[in-house]
Amino acid sequence: MIAVERGIVIARSAKDVFAFVGDQTNAPRWQRGLTDVRRTTDGPIGVGTRHSFSRTLAGRRMEGSNEYTRYEPDSLVAFRATSGGWPLEASYRIEPIDATQTRLTARIELRPAGAFRLLEPLIAAALGRDVRANLLTLKEVLEAPT
């Protein structure tokens, strides 16, 4: 199993950060390779909300879907992949530092299958770089003047 956890401080309120990352349709704006995310359930966002997505990875287009497993307004959203590759669980924890600064911690657990298990160290390093780059992009997007 691969587990990657990275954090970043964003100069926005916890409510603003959560509203943005808690709505996965915003994810293509800050996650590399993610080209499209569509909510596939109706109603308010919460536990059970499902999304389908398209991503490009190593030059290949991939389709998948996920489902929210935890949803705690202004503090935590967690989801698991329901299709599209290896078993994956991820979360975003949002913690206010003060009224204008928030710590966001992203955590991803990935379970490569078959021969890919031999490549876990390489996959983990690449995933860690991607998460770090994505969080920097998220910070830029959320801190940009409106």
N, C-alpha and C. Protein backbone atom coordinates (compact mmCIF):
# COMPACT_ATOMS: atom_id res chain seq x y z
N MET A 1 0.83 -1.18 0.00
CA MET A 1 0.00 0.00 0.00
C MET A 1 0.88 1.25 0.00
N ILE A 2 0.42 2.25 -0.70
CA ILE A 2 1.10 3.54 -0.74
C ILE A 2 0.25 4.53 0.03
N ALA A 3 0.86 5.29 0.92
CA ALA A 3 0.17 6.35 1.64
C ALA A 3 0.98 7.63 1.49
N VAL A 4 0.33 8.66 1.00
CA VAL A 4 0.97 9.96 0.83
C VAL A 4 0.14 10.99 1.58
N GLU A 5 0.81 11.80 2.39
CA GLU A 5 0.12 12.87 3.10
C GLU A 5 0.95 14.14 2.98
N ARG A 6 0.30 15.21 2.54
CA ARG A 6 0.97 16.50 2.38
C ARG A 6 0.02 17.59 2.87
N GLY A 7 0.60 18.66 3.40
CA GLY A 7 -0.21 19.78 3.87
C GLY A 7 0.28 21.09 3.31
N ILE A 8 -0.59 22.09 3.37
CA ILE A 8 -0.24 23.42 2.91
C ILE A 8 -1.10 24.43 3.65
N VAL A 9 -0.57 25.63 3.85
CA VAL A 9 -1.33 26.72 4.46
C VAL A 9 -1.82 27.62 3.33
N ILE A 10 -3.11 27.92 3.37
CA ILE A 10 -3.75 28.73 2.34
C ILE A 10 -4.33 29.98 3.00
N ALA A 11 -4.07 31.13 2.44
CA ALA A 11 -4.55 32.40 2.99
C ALA A 11 -6.00 32.64 2.58
N ARG A 12 -6.87 31.78 3.09
CA ARG A 12 -8.32 31.90 2.93
C ARG A 12 -8.96 31.26 4.15
N SER A 13 -10.21 31.60 4.39
CA SER A 13 -10.91 31.01 5.54
C SER A 13 -11.15 29.52 5.32
N ALA A 14 -11.30 28.78 6.40
CA ALA A 14 -11.58 27.34 6.32
C ALA A 14 -12.87 27.11 5.54
N LYS A 15 -13.85 27.95 5.72
CA LYS A 15 -15.13 27.81 5.01
C LYS A 15 -14.91 27.92 3.50
N ASP A 16 -14.10 28.89 3.07
CA ASP A 16 -13.83 29.06 1.63
C ASP A 16 -13.04 27.88 1.07
N VAL A 17 -12.03 27.43 1.79
CA VAL A 17 -11.21 26.30 1.32
C VAL A 17 -12.07 25.05 1.21
N PHE A 18 -12.88 24.78 2.24
CA PHE A 18 -13.72 23.60 2.21
C PHE A 18 -14.74 23.67 1.07
N ALA A 19 -15.36 24.82 0.88
CA ALA A 19 -16.35 24.96 -0.19
C ALA A 19 -15.74 24.62 -1.54
N PHE A 20 -14.49 24.98 -1.74
CA PHE A 20 -13.83 24.74 -3.02
C PHE A 20 -13.43 23.28 -3.18
N VAL A 21 -12.72 22.71 -2.20
CA VAL A 21 -12.25 21.33 -2.35
C VAL A 21 -13.37 20.32 -2.10
N GLY A 22 -14.40 20.70 -1.36
CA GLY A 22 -15.51 19.81 -1.10
C GLY A 22 -16.41 19.60 -2.30
N ASP A 23 -16.26 20.45 -3.30
CA ASP A 23 -17.00 20.32 -4.56
C ASP A 23 -16.01 19.84 -5.62
N GLN A 24 -15.99 18.54 -5.89
CA GLN A 24 -14.98 17.98 -6.78
C GLN A 24 -15.07 18.49 -8.21
N THR A 25 -16.16 19.14 -8.58
CA THR A 25 -16.21 19.68 -9.94
C THR A 25 -15.18 20.79 -10.11
N ASN A 26 -14.62 21.30 -9.01
CA ASN A 26 -13.54 22.29 -9.07
C ASN A 26 -12.17 21.66 -9.28
N ALA A 27 -12.06 20.36 -9.07
CA ALA A 27 -10.75 19.69 -9.07
C ALA A 27 -9.94 19.86 -10.35
N PRO A 28 -10.54 19.89 -11.55
CA PRO A 28 -9.70 20.09 -12.74
C PRO A 28 -8.95 21.43 -12.76
N ARG A 29 -9.39 22.37 -11.95
CA ARG A 29 -8.71 23.67 -11.89
C ARG A 29 -7.39 23.59 -11.13
N TRP A 30 -7.21 22.52 -10.32
CA TRP A 30 -5.99 22.47 -9.52
C TRP A 30 -5.28 21.11 -9.49
N GLN A 31 -5.87 20.07 -10.07
CA GLN A 31 -5.22 18.76 -10.06
C GLN A 31 -4.72 18.39 -11.44
N ARG A 32 -3.41 18.13 -11.55
CA ARG A 32 -2.83 17.78 -12.84
C ARG A 32 -3.46 16.51 -13.41
N GLY A 33 -3.63 16.56 -14.73
CA GLY A 33 -4.12 15.39 -15.44
C GLY A 33 -5.62 15.19 -15.38
N LEU A 34 -6.29 15.83 -14.45
CA LEU A 34 -7.73 15.69 -14.31
C LEU A 34 -8.39 16.65 -15.31
N THR A 35 -9.12 16.10 -16.25
CA THR A 35 -9.67 16.94 -17.32
C THR A 35 -11.15 17.25 -17.13
N ASP A 36 -11.88 16.39 -16.42
CA ASP A 36 -13.31 16.60 -16.28
C ASP A 36 -13.83 15.86 -15.05
N VAL A 37 -14.69 16.51 -14.29
CA VAL A 37 -15.36 15.87 -13.16
C VAL A 37 -16.84 16.25 -13.23
N ARG A 38 -17.70 15.23 -13.12
CA ARG A 38 -19.14 15.44 -13.16
C ARG A 38 -19.78 14.80 -11.93
N ARG A 39 -20.63 15.54 -11.25
CA ARG A 39 -21.39 14.97 -10.14
C ARG A 39 -22.48 14.10 -10.74
N THR A 40 -22.63 12.88 -10.25
CA THR A 40 -23.60 11.96 -10.84
C THR A 40 -24.78 11.69 -9.91
N THR A 41 -24.81 12.35 -8.76
CA THR A 41 -25.93 12.24 -7.83
C THR A 41 -26.58 13.60 -7.68
N ASP A 42 -27.85 13.60 -7.38
CA ASP A 42 -28.59 14.85 -7.16
C ASP A 42 -28.58 15.21 -5.69
N GLY A 43 -29.04 16.41 -5.40
CA GLY A 43 -29.16 16.86 -4.03
C GLY A 43 -27.90 17.51 -3.51
N PRO A 44 -27.92 17.88 -2.23
CA PRO A 44 -26.74 18.54 -1.65
C PRO A 44 -25.56 17.57 -1.56
N ILE A 45 -24.37 18.14 -1.55
CA ILE A 45 -23.15 17.34 -1.42
C ILE A 45 -23.07 16.79 -0.01
N GLY A 46 -22.71 15.50 0.10
CA GLY A 46 -22.57 14.87 1.40
C GLY A 46 -22.15 13.42 1.23
N VAL A 47 -22.19 12.65 2.31
CA VAL A 47 -21.85 11.23 2.24
C VAL A 47 -22.74 10.58 1.19
N GLY A 48 -22.13 9.81 0.30
CA GLY A 48 -22.87 9.16 -0.78
C GLY A 48 -22.83 9.91 -2.09
N THR A 49 -22.38 11.17 -2.08
CA THR A 49 -22.25 11.92 -3.34
C THR A 49 -21.25 11.20 -4.22
N ARG A 50 -21.60 11.03 -5.48
CA ARG A 50 -20.73 10.33 -6.43
C ARG A 50 -20.35 11.26 -7.58
N HIS A 51 -19.16 11.00 -8.10
CA HIS A 51 -18.62 11.74 -9.25
C HIS A 51 -18.06 10.77 -10.26
N SER A 52 -18.09 11.16 -11.51
CA SER A 52 -17.33 10.46 -12.54
C SER A 52 -16.29 11.45 -13.04
N PHE A 53 -15.16 10.93 -13.50
CA PHE A 53 -14.07 11.81 -13.91
C PHE A 53 -13.32 11.23 -15.09
N SER A 54 -12.62 12.12 -15.76
CA SER A 54 -11.69 11.75 -16.83
C SER A 54 -10.34 12.33 -16.46
N ARG A 55 -9.31 11.54 -16.71
CA ARG A 55 -7.96 12.03 -16.45
C ARG A 55 -7.03 11.49 -17.51
N THR A 56 -5.95 12.21 -17.69
CA THR A 56 -4.89 11.76 -18.58
C THR A 56 -3.71 11.38 -17.71
N LEU A 57 -3.21 10.17 -17.91
CA LEU A 57 -2.09 9.67 -17.13
C LEU A 57 -1.16 8.94 -18.07
N ALA A 58 0.09 9.40 -18.11
CA ALA A 58 1.10 8.81 -18.99
C ALA A 58 0.61 8.78 -20.44
N GLY A 59 -0.06 9.86 -20.83
CA GLY A 59 -0.51 9.97 -22.21
C GLY A 59 -1.78 9.22 -22.54
N ARG A 60 -2.36 8.55 -21.55
CA ARG A 60 -3.59 7.78 -21.77
C ARG A 60 -4.76 8.42 -21.03
N ARG A 61 -5.91 8.39 -21.69
CA ARG A 61 -7.13 8.90 -21.07
C ARG A 61 -7.76 7.77 -20.25
N MET A 62 -8.14 8.10 -19.02
CA MET A 62 -8.76 7.13 -18.12
C MET A 62 -10.08 7.70 -17.62
N GLU A 63 -11.04 6.82 -17.41
CA GLU A 63 -12.32 7.19 -16.83
C GLU A 63 -12.44 6.50 -15.48
N GLY A 64 -13.14 7.12 -14.55
CA GLY A 64 -13.35 6.50 -13.26
C GLY A 64 -14.49 7.17 -12.52
N SER A 65 -14.73 6.69 -11.31
CA SER A 65 -15.75 7.29 -10.47
C SER A 65 -15.35 7.14 -9.00
N ASN A 66 -15.96 7.97 -8.16
CA ASN A 66 -15.70 7.89 -6.73
C ASN A 66 -16.96 8.24 -5.95
N GLU A 67 -16.89 8.00 -4.66
CA GLU A 67 -18.03 8.26 -3.78
C GLU A 67 -17.53 8.84 -2.46
N TYR A 68 -18.20 9.88 -1.96
CA TYR A 68 -17.85 10.46 -0.67
C TYR A 68 -18.22 9.49 0.44
N THR A 69 -17.26 9.22 1.32
CA THR A 69 -17.48 8.33 2.45
C THR A 69 -17.60 9.08 3.77
N ARG A 70 -17.05 10.28 3.83
CA ARG A 70 -17.19 11.19 4.99
C ARG A 70 -17.34 12.59 4.47
N TYR A 71 -18.16 13.35 5.14
CA TYR A 71 -18.37 14.75 4.75
C TYR A 71 -18.74 15.52 6.01
N GLU A 72 -17.78 16.28 6.52
CA GLU A 72 -17.97 17.07 7.72
C GLU A 72 -17.75 18.52 7.32
N PRO A 73 -18.85 19.29 7.14
CA PRO A 73 -18.73 20.65 6.63
C PRO A 73 -17.63 21.46 7.32
N ASP A 74 -16.86 22.13 6.47
CA ASP A 74 -15.77 23.02 6.86
C ASP A 74 -14.60 22.31 7.53
N SER A 75 -14.58 20.94 7.53
CA SER A 75 -13.44 20.30 8.16
C SER A 75 -12.91 19.06 7.45
N LEU A 76 -13.75 18.23 6.82
CA LEU A 76 -13.24 16.99 6.23
C LEU A 76 -14.14 16.50 5.12
N VAL A 77 -13.52 16.08 4.03
CA VAL A 77 -14.20 15.33 2.98
C VAL A 77 -13.30 14.16 2.63
N ALA A 78 -13.90 12.97 2.56
CA ALA A 78 -13.14 11.76 2.22
C ALA A 78 -13.92 10.99 1.17
N PHE A 79 -13.18 10.31 0.29
CA PHE A 79 -13.84 9.56 -0.78
C PHE A 79 -13.02 8.34 -1.13
N ARG A 80 -13.68 7.42 -1.84
CA ARG A 80 -13.00 6.23 -2.31
C ARG A 80 -13.34 6.04 -3.78
N ALA A 81 -12.40 5.47 -4.50
CA ALA A 81 -12.63 5.15 -5.91
C ALA A 81 -13.61 3.99 -5.97
N THR A 82 -14.56 4.09 -6.89
CA THR A 82 -15.51 3.00 -7.09
C THR A 82 -15.29 2.34 -8.44
N SER A 83 -14.44 2.95 -9.26
CA SER A 83 -14.03 2.35 -10.53
C SER A 83 -12.83 3.13 -11.05
N GLY A 84 -12.20 2.60 -12.09
CA GLY A 84 -11.15 3.36 -12.75
C GLY A 84 -9.74 2.96 -12.39
N GLY A 85 -9.53 1.81 -11.81
CA GLY A 85 -8.16 1.41 -11.54
C GLY A 85 -8.01 0.77 -10.18
N TRP A 86 -6.88 1.05 -9.55
CA TRP A 86 -6.55 0.45 -8.27
C TRP A 86 -7.42 1.02 -7.15
N PRO A 87 -7.59 0.24 -6.07
CA PRO A 87 -8.31 0.76 -4.91
C PRO A 87 -7.61 2.01 -4.37
N LEU A 88 -8.40 3.04 -4.14
CA LEU A 88 -7.86 4.33 -3.70
C LEU A 88 -8.82 4.93 -2.70
N GLU A 89 -8.28 5.50 -1.64
CA GLU A 89 -9.03 6.31 -0.68
C GLU A 89 -8.27 7.61 -0.51
N ALA A 90 -9.01 8.71 -0.40
CA ALA A 90 -8.37 10.02 -0.27
C ALA A 90 -9.20 10.90 0.64
N SER A 91 -8.56 11.91 1.20
CA SER A 91 -9.28 12.87 2.04
C SER A 91 -8.60 14.21 2.02
N TYR A 92 -9.39 15.23 2.35
CA TYR A 92 -8.90 16.59 2.56
C TYR A 92 -9.38 17.03 3.93
N ARG A 93 -8.43 17.28 4.82
CA ARG A 93 -8.76 17.81 6.15
C ARG A 93 -8.47 19.30 6.14
N ILE A 94 -9.43 20.07 6.62
CA ILE A 94 -9.33 21.53 6.62
C ILE A 94 -9.35 21.98 8.08
N GLU A 95 -8.31 22.74 8.47
CA GLU A 95 -8.20 23.21 9.85
C GLU A 95 -7.90 24.70 9.85
N PRO A 96 -8.77 25.49 10.48
CA PRO A 96 -8.50 26.93 10.54
C PRO A 96 -7.28 27.22 11.42
N ILE A 97 -6.45 28.12 10.94
CA ILE A 97 -5.34 28.62 11.76
C ILE A 97 -5.82 29.88 12.46
N ASP A 98 -6.47 30.73 11.69
CA ASP A 98 -7.15 31.92 12.21
C ASP A 98 -8.25 32.25 11.20
N ALA A 99 -8.82 33.45 11.25
CA ALA A 99 -9.95 33.79 10.38
C ALA A 99 -9.58 33.85 8.91
N THR A 100 -8.28 34.02 8.61
CA THR A 100 -7.89 34.20 7.20
C THR A 100 -6.86 33.19 6.70
N GLN A 101 -6.52 32.21 7.53
CA GLN A 101 -5.54 31.21 7.11
C GLN A 101 -6.03 29.82 7.51
N THR A 102 -5.78 28.88 6.61
CA THR A 102 -6.26 27.51 6.80
C THR A 102 -5.17 26.52 6.42
N ARG A 103 -5.05 25.46 7.21
CA ARG A 103 -4.17 24.35 6.84
C ARG A 103 -5.04 23.29 6.19
N LEU A 104 -4.64 22.89 4.97
CA LEU A 104 -5.29 21.79 4.28
C LEU A 104 -4.31 20.63 4.24
N THR A 105 -4.76 19.45 4.64
CA THR A 105 -3.94 18.24 4.58
C THR A 105 -4.62 17.26 3.64
N ALA A 106 -3.89 16.87 2.61
CA ALA A 106 -4.39 15.88 1.64
C ALA A 106 -3.75 14.54 1.97
N ARG A 107 -4.56 13.50 1.96
CA ARG A 107 -4.05 12.14 2.22
C ARG A 107 -4.60 11.22 1.14
N ILE A 108 -3.72 10.39 0.58
CA ILE A 108 -4.12 9.42 -0.45
C ILE A 108 -3.52 8.07 -0.07
N GLU A 109 -4.36 7.04 -0.12
CA GLU A 109 -3.91 5.66 0.05
C GLU A 109 -4.26 4.92 -1.23
N LEU A 110 -3.27 4.30 -1.81
CA LEU A 110 -3.41 3.62 -3.09
C LEU A 110 -2.87 2.21 -2.94
N ARG A 111 -3.58 1.25 -3.52
CA ARG A 111 -3.16 -0.15 -3.43
C ARG A 111 -2.91 -0.71 -4.83
N PRO A 112 -1.69 -0.53 -5.35
CA PRO A 112 -1.39 -1.10 -6.66
C PRO A 112 -1.58 -2.62 -6.65
N ALA A 113 -1.98 -3.14 -7.79
CA ALA A 113 -2.25 -4.58 -7.89
C ALA A 113 -1.22 -5.26 -8.79
N GLY A 114 -1.12 -6.55 -8.64
CA GLY A 114 -0.29 -7.36 -9.52
C GLY A 114 1.17 -6.94 -9.51
N ALA A 115 1.75 -6.95 -10.69
CA ALA A 115 3.17 -6.62 -10.85
C ALA A 115 3.47 -5.17 -10.46
N PHE A 116 2.46 -4.32 -10.47
CA PHE A 116 2.68 -2.91 -10.10
C PHE A 116 3.11 -2.76 -8.65
N ARG A 117 2.83 -3.78 -7.83
CA ARG A 117 3.27 -3.71 -6.44
C ARG A 117 4.78 -3.61 -6.34
N LEU A 118 5.48 -4.17 -7.32
CA LEU A 118 6.94 -4.07 -7.32
C LEU A 118 7.42 -2.63 -7.57
N LEU A 119 6.55 -1.84 -8.16
CA LEU A 119 6.89 -0.45 -8.49
C LEU A 119 6.40 0.54 -7.43
N GLU A 120 5.93 0.03 -6.30
CA GLU A 120 5.37 0.92 -5.27
C GLU A 120 6.29 2.09 -4.91
N PRO A 121 7.60 1.89 -4.70
CA PRO A 121 8.44 3.04 -4.35
C PRO A 121 8.43 4.12 -5.43
N LEU A 122 8.46 3.74 -6.69
CA LEU A 122 8.44 4.72 -7.78
C LEU A 122 7.08 5.41 -7.87
N ILE A 123 6.02 4.63 -7.73
CA ILE A 123 4.67 5.18 -7.78
C ILE A 123 4.46 6.15 -6.61
N ALA A 124 4.93 5.78 -5.43
CA ALA A 124 4.78 6.63 -4.25
C ALA A 124 5.52 7.95 -4.44
N ALA A 125 6.72 7.91 -4.98
CA ALA A 125 7.48 9.14 -5.21
C ALA A 125 6.77 10.04 -6.21
N ALA A 126 6.27 9.46 -7.31
CA ALA A 126 5.56 10.25 -8.31
C ALA A 126 4.27 10.83 -7.73
N LEU A 127 3.55 10.04 -6.96
CA LEU A 127 2.31 10.51 -6.35
C LEU A 127 2.59 11.64 -5.38
N GLY A 128 3.63 11.51 -4.59
CA GLY A 128 4.02 12.57 -3.66
C GLY A 128 4.33 13.87 -4.37
N ARG A 129 5.05 13.79 -5.49
CA ARG A 129 5.36 15.00 -6.29
C ARG A 129 4.08 15.62 -6.83
N ASP A 130 3.17 14.78 -7.33
CA ASP A 130 1.91 15.29 -7.88
C ASP A 130 1.07 15.98 -6.80
N VAL A 131 0.97 15.35 -5.64
CA VAL A 131 0.17 15.94 -4.56
C VAL A 131 0.77 17.29 -4.16
N ARG A 132 2.07 17.36 -4.02
CA ARG A 132 2.73 18.62 -3.66
C ARG A 132 2.45 19.69 -4.71
N ALA A 133 2.60 19.35 -5.99
CA ALA A 133 2.34 20.31 -7.07
C ALA A 133 0.88 20.72 -7.10
N ASN A 134 -0.02 19.77 -6.90
CA ASN A 134 -1.45 20.09 -6.89
C ASN A 134 -1.79 21.05 -5.76
N LEU A 135 -1.23 20.84 -4.58
CA LEU A 135 -1.51 21.73 -3.46
C LEU A 135 -0.98 23.13 -3.71
N LEU A 136 0.17 23.24 -4.34
CA LEU A 136 0.69 24.57 -4.69
C LEU A 136 -0.24 25.26 -5.69
N THR A 137 -0.75 24.51 -6.65
CA THR A 137 -1.70 25.09 -7.61
C THR A 137 -2.98 25.50 -6.90
N LEU A 138 -3.48 24.66 -5.99
CA LEU A 138 -4.67 24.99 -5.23
C LEU A 138 -4.46 26.30 -4.46
N LYS A 139 -3.32 26.44 -3.82
CA LYS A 139 -3.01 27.66 -3.08
C LYS A 139 -3.05 28.87 -4.00
N GLU A 140 -2.43 28.74 -5.18
CA GLU A 140 -2.44 29.85 -6.15
C GLU A 140 -3.85 30.21 -6.57
N VAL A 141 -4.66 29.20 -6.87
CA VAL A 141 -6.04 29.45 -7.31
C VAL A 141 -6.84 30.14 -6.22
N LEU A 142 -6.75 29.64 -4.99
CA LEU A 142 -7.58 30.19 -3.91
C LEU A 142 -7.07 31.54 -3.41
N GLU A 143 -5.78 31.81 -3.56
CA GLU A 143 -5.25 33.08 -3.08
C GLU A 143 -5.24 34.16 -4.16
N ALA A 144 -5.58 33.80 -5.40
CA ALA A 144 -5.58 34.78 -6.49
C ALA A 144 -6.62 35.84 -6.23
N PRO A 145 -6.29 37.09 -6.55
CA PRO A 145 -7.30 38.16 -6.40
C PRO A 145 -8.50 37.86 -7.30
N THR A 146 -9.67 38.14 -6.77
CA THR A 146 -10.88 37.87 -7.56
C THR A 146 -11.28 39.06 -8.41
